[in-house]
C-alpha atoms as a PDB file:
ATOM      1  CA  MET A   1       7.189  28.593 -10.781  1.00  0.00           C
ATOM      2  CA  ASP A   2       4.527  30.249  -9.146  1.00  0.00           C
ATOM      3  CA  ALA A   3       0.313  29.549  -9.911  1.00  0.00           C
ATOM      4  CA  SER A   4       0.138  33.054  -9.230  1.00  0.00           C
ATOM      5  CA  LYS A   5       2.580  34.600 -11.904  1.00  0.00           C
ATOM      6  CA  ILE A   6       1.239  32.610 -14.569  1.00  0.00           C
ATOM      7  CA  THR A   7       0.269  35.341 -17.445  1.00  0.00           C
ATOM      8  CA  PHE A   8      -1.376  34.234 -20.728  1.00  0.00           C
ATOM      9  CA  ASP A   9       2.257  35.286 -22.305  1.00  0.00           C
ATOM     10  CA  SER A  10       4.116  33.072 -19.568  1.00  0.00           C
ATOM     11  CA  LEU A  11       2.003  30.068 -20.517  1.00  0.00           C
ATOM     12  CA  PRO A  12       4.412  28.083 -22.348  1.00  0.00           C
ATOM     13  CA  GLN A  13       7.057  28.625 -19.836  1.00  0.00           C
ATOM     14  CA  ALA A  14       4.497  26.773 -17.209  1.00  0.00           C
ATOM     15  CA  VAL A  15       3.577  23.979 -19.451  1.00  0.00           C
ATOM     16  CA  ALA A  16       7.253  23.330 -19.948  1.00  0.00           C
ATOM     17  CA  TYR A  17       7.615  23.524 -16.189  1.00  0.00           C
ATOM     18  CA  LEU A  18       5.059  20.737 -15.478  1.00  0.00           C
ATOM     19  CA  VAL A  19       6.038  18.714 -18.384  1.00  0.00           C
ATOM     20  CA  ASP A  20       9.461  18.611 -16.457  1.00  0.00           C
ATOM     21  CA  GLU A  21       8.161  18.279 -12.701  1.00  0.00           C
ATOM     22  CA  VAL A  22       5.553  15.383 -14.067  1.00  0.00           C
ATOM     23  CA  SER A  23       8.880  13.699 -15.734  1.00  0.00           C
ATOM     24  CA  ALA A  24      10.536  13.780 -12.195  1.00  0.00           C
ATOM     25  CA  ILE A  25       7.496  12.500 -10.632  1.00  0.00           C
ATOM     26  CA  ARG A  26       7.227   9.705 -13.000  1.00  0.00           C
ATOM     27  CA  LEU A  27      11.666   8.896 -12.184  1.00  0.00           C
ATOM     28  CA  ILE A  28      10.647   8.402  -8.619  1.00  0.00           C
ATOM     29  CA  VAL A  29       7.872   6.594  -9.048  1.00  0.00           C
ATOM     30  CA  GLU A  30       9.640   4.005 -11.382  1.00  0.00           C
ATOM     31  CA  LYS A  31      12.599   3.553  -9.106  1.00  0.00           C
ATOM     32  CA  SER A  32      10.042   3.613  -6.057  1.00  0.00           C
ATOM     33  CA  GLN A  33       8.408   0.064  -7.702  1.00  0.00           C
ATOM     34  CA  ASN A  34      10.519  -2.508  -8.339  1.00  0.00           C
ATOM     35  CA  PRO A  35       9.852  -4.653 -10.517  1.00  0.00           C
ATOM     36  CA  VAL A  36       9.336  -8.296  -9.459  1.00  0.00           C
ATOM     37  CA  VAL A  37      11.010 -10.308 -11.272  1.00  0.00           C
ATOM     38  CA  GLU A  38       9.202 -14.026 -11.502  1.00  0.00           C
ATOM     39  CA  LYS A  39      11.360 -16.608 -11.677  1.00  0.00           C
ATOM     40  CA  ARG A  40       9.778 -20.128 -12.997  1.00  0.00           C
ATOM     41  CA  ILE A  41      11.882 -23.164 -11.770  1.00  0.00           C
ATOM     42  CA  PRO A  42      10.246 -26.098 -11.813  1.00  0.00           C
ATOM     43  CA  ILE A  43       9.438 -28.763  -9.449  1.00  0.00           C
ATOM     44  CA  SER A  44       9.819 -32.142  -9.026  1.00  0.00           C
ATOM     45  CA  ILE A  45       6.365 -34.318  -7.557  1.00  0.00           C
ATOM     46  CA  ASP A  46       7.910 -34.899  -4.395  1.00  0.00           C
ATOM     47  CA  GLU A  47       8.358 -30.943  -3.783  1.00  0.00           C
ATOM     48  CA  ALA A  48       4.620 -30.799  -5.217  1.00  0.00           C
ATOM     49  CA  CYS A  49       3.184 -33.253  -2.858  1.00  0.00           C
ATOM     50  CA  ARG A  50       4.905 -30.991   0.128  1.00  0.00           C
ATOM     51  CA  ILE A  51       3.582 -27.944  -1.397  1.00  0.00           C
ATOM     52  CA  ILE A  52      -0.371 -29.557  -1.545  1.00  0.00           C
ATOM     53  CA  GLY A  53      -0.200 -31.746   1.496  1.00  0.00           C
ATOM     54  CA  LYS A  54      -1.141 -34.657  -0.934  1.00  0.00           C
ATOM     55  CA  ALA A  55       0.660 -38.267  -1.174  1.00  0.00           C
ATOM     56  CA  LYS A  56       2.325 -39.021  -4.601  1.00  0.00           C
ATOM     57  CA  PRO A  57      -0.051 -41.477  -5.479  1.00  0.00           C
ATOM     58  CA  THR A  58      -2.716 -38.956  -5.200  1.00  0.00           C
ATOM     59  CA  VAL A  59      -0.569 -36.466  -7.233  1.00  0.00           C
ATOM     60  CA  TYR A  60      -0.332 -38.640 -10.012  1.00  0.00           C
ATOM     61  CA  SER A  61      -3.867 -39.747 -10.196  1.00  0.00           C
ATOM     62  CA  LEU A  62      -4.688 -36.056  -9.846  1.00  0.00           C
ATOM     63  CA  VAL A  63      -2.426 -35.874 -13.636  1.00  0.00           C
ATOM     64  CA  ARG A  64      -4.013 -38.937 -15.151  1.00  0.00           C
ATOM     65  CA  LYS A  65      -7.535 -37.168 -14.474  1.00  0.00           C
ATOM     66  CA  ARG A  66      -5.687 -33.556 -15.952  1.00  0.00           C
ATOM     67  CA  GLN A  67      -7.187 -32.123 -12.575  1.00  0.00           C
ATOM     68  CA  ILE A  68      -3.958 -30.344 -11.662  1.00  0.00           C
ATOM     69  CA  PRO A  69      -1.207 -28.067 -13.762  1.00  0.00           C
ATOM     70  CA  CYS A  70       1.800 -30.217 -14.810  1.00  0.00           C
ATOM     71  CA  TYR A  71       4.251 -30.204 -17.725  1.00  0.00           C
ATOM     72  CA  LYS A  72       5.572 -33.989 -18.665  1.00  0.00           C
ATOM     73  CA  ASN A  73       8.754 -33.822 -20.918  1.00  0.00           C
ATOM     74  CA  GLY A  74       9.589 -37.163 -21.541  1.00  0.00           C
ATOM     75  CA  LYS A  75       8.468 -39.909 -18.530  1.00  0.00           C
ATOM     76  CA  LYS A  76       9.593 -36.720 -15.827  1.00  0.00           C
ATOM     77  CA  LEU A  77       6.488 -34.869 -14.351  1.00  0.00           C
ATOM     78  CA  TYR A  78       6.968 -31.163 -13.490  1.00  0.00           C
ATOM     79  CA  PHE A  79       4.662 -28.437 -12.067  1.00  0.00           C
ATOM     80  CA  PHE A  80       5.309 -24.292 -10.804  1.00  0.00           C
ATOM     81  CA  GLU A  81       4.627 -23.477  -7.673  1.00  0.00           C
ATOM     82  CA  ASN A  82       2.739 -20.458  -8.437  1.00  0.00           C
ATOM     83  CA  GLU A  83       0.306 -23.092 -10.666  1.00  0.00           C
ATOM     84  CA  LEU A  84      -0.233 -25.176  -7.686  1.00  0.00           C
ATOM     85  CA  MET A  85      -1.292 -22.609  -5.425  1.00  0.00           C
ATOM     86  CA  ASP A  86      -3.606 -20.883  -7.820  1.00  0.00           C
ATOM     87  CA  TRP A  87      -5.039 -24.251  -8.130  1.00  0.00           C
ATOM     88  CA  ILE A  88      -5.620 -25.017  -4.628  1.00  0.00           C
ATOM     89  CA  LEU A  89      -6.842 -21.432  -4.596  1.00  0.00           C
ATOM     90  CA  ASN A  90      -9.297 -21.817  -7.316  1.00  0.00           C
ATOM     91  CA  GLY A  91     -10.844 -24.668  -4.955  1.00  0.00           C
ATOM     92  CA  LYS A  92     -12.252 -22.501  -2.512  1.00  0.00           C
ATOM     93  CA  LYS A  93     -15.675 -23.555  -1.250  1.00  0.00           C
ATOM     94  CA  LYS A  94     -18.343 -20.557  -0.816  1.00  0.00           C
ATOM     95  CA  THR A  95     -19.023 -19.978   2.960  1.00  0.00           C
ATOM     96  CA  VAL A  96     -22.823 -19.767   3.862  1.00  0.00           C
ATOM     97  CA  GLN A  97     -22.157 -15.652   4.205  1.00  0.00           C
ATOM     98  CA  GLU A  98     -20.539 -15.427   0.661  1.00  0.00           C
ATOM     99  CA  ILE A  99     -23.501 -17.476  -0.422  1.00  0.00           C
ATOM    100  CA  SER A 100     -26.143 -15.400   1.253  1.00  0.00           C
ATOM    101  CA  ALA A 101     -24.740 -12.236   0.116  1.00  0.00           C
ATOM    102  CA  GLU A 102     -24.337 -13.319  -3.439  1.00  0.00           C
ATOM    103  CA  MET A 103     -27.722 -14.555  -3.832  1.00  0.00           C
ATOM    104  CA  GLU A 104     -29.445 -11.153  -1.938  1.00  0.00           C
ATOM    105  CA  LYS A 105     -27.245  -9.277  -4.420  1.00  0.00           C
ATOM    106  CA  GLU A 106     -28.731 -11.344  -7.785  1.00  0.00           C
ATOM    107  CA  MET A 107     -32.044 -10.358  -6.198  1.00  0.00           C
ATOM    108  CA  ASN A 108     -31.331  -6.672  -5.996  1.00  0.00           C
ATOM    109  CA  ARG A 109     -30.046  -7.296  -9.467  1.00  0.00           C
ATOM    110  CA  GLY A 110     -33.894  -8.977 -10.576  1.00  0.00           C
ATOM    111  CA  ASN A 111     -31.860 -11.798 -12.009  1.00  0.00           C
ATOM    112  CA  PHE A 112     -33.855 -14.353 -10.159  1.00  0.00           C
ATOM    113  CA  LYS A 113     -37.559 -15.381 -11.487  1.00  0.00           C
ATOM    114  CA  SER A 114     -40.499 -15.559  -9.216  1.00  0.00           C
ATOM    115  CA  ILE A 115     -41.346 -18.902  -8.186  1.00  0.00           C
ATOM    116  CA  ARG A 116     -44.801 -20.328  -8.627  1.00  0.00           C
ATOM    117  CA  ARG A 117     -46.231 -23.158  -6.641  1.00  0.00           C
END
């Protein structure tokens, strides 16, 4: 439908045309976005050790201290790779530049109290 030919009388047809176009665009977008279905397959302690690069006694110690995400069924421990990767990422140390930028941002907000000596 040509936008220059839209009149008040043809408004219902123009709206119907636009609704059809939006539906067609939605279908195209939905088809182009393949949903990623994440399979959560548990892995053994040996695989967990390989992924995080730690020895088995170290992993057992982390489990005992409840510092690493794991599941226990009976006497067997299970891990999920994505949870181990998140655990590694959460332990990231900030660089000096990141700390400096964060401090400057907070100072600009006025969140630091003045230091009195």
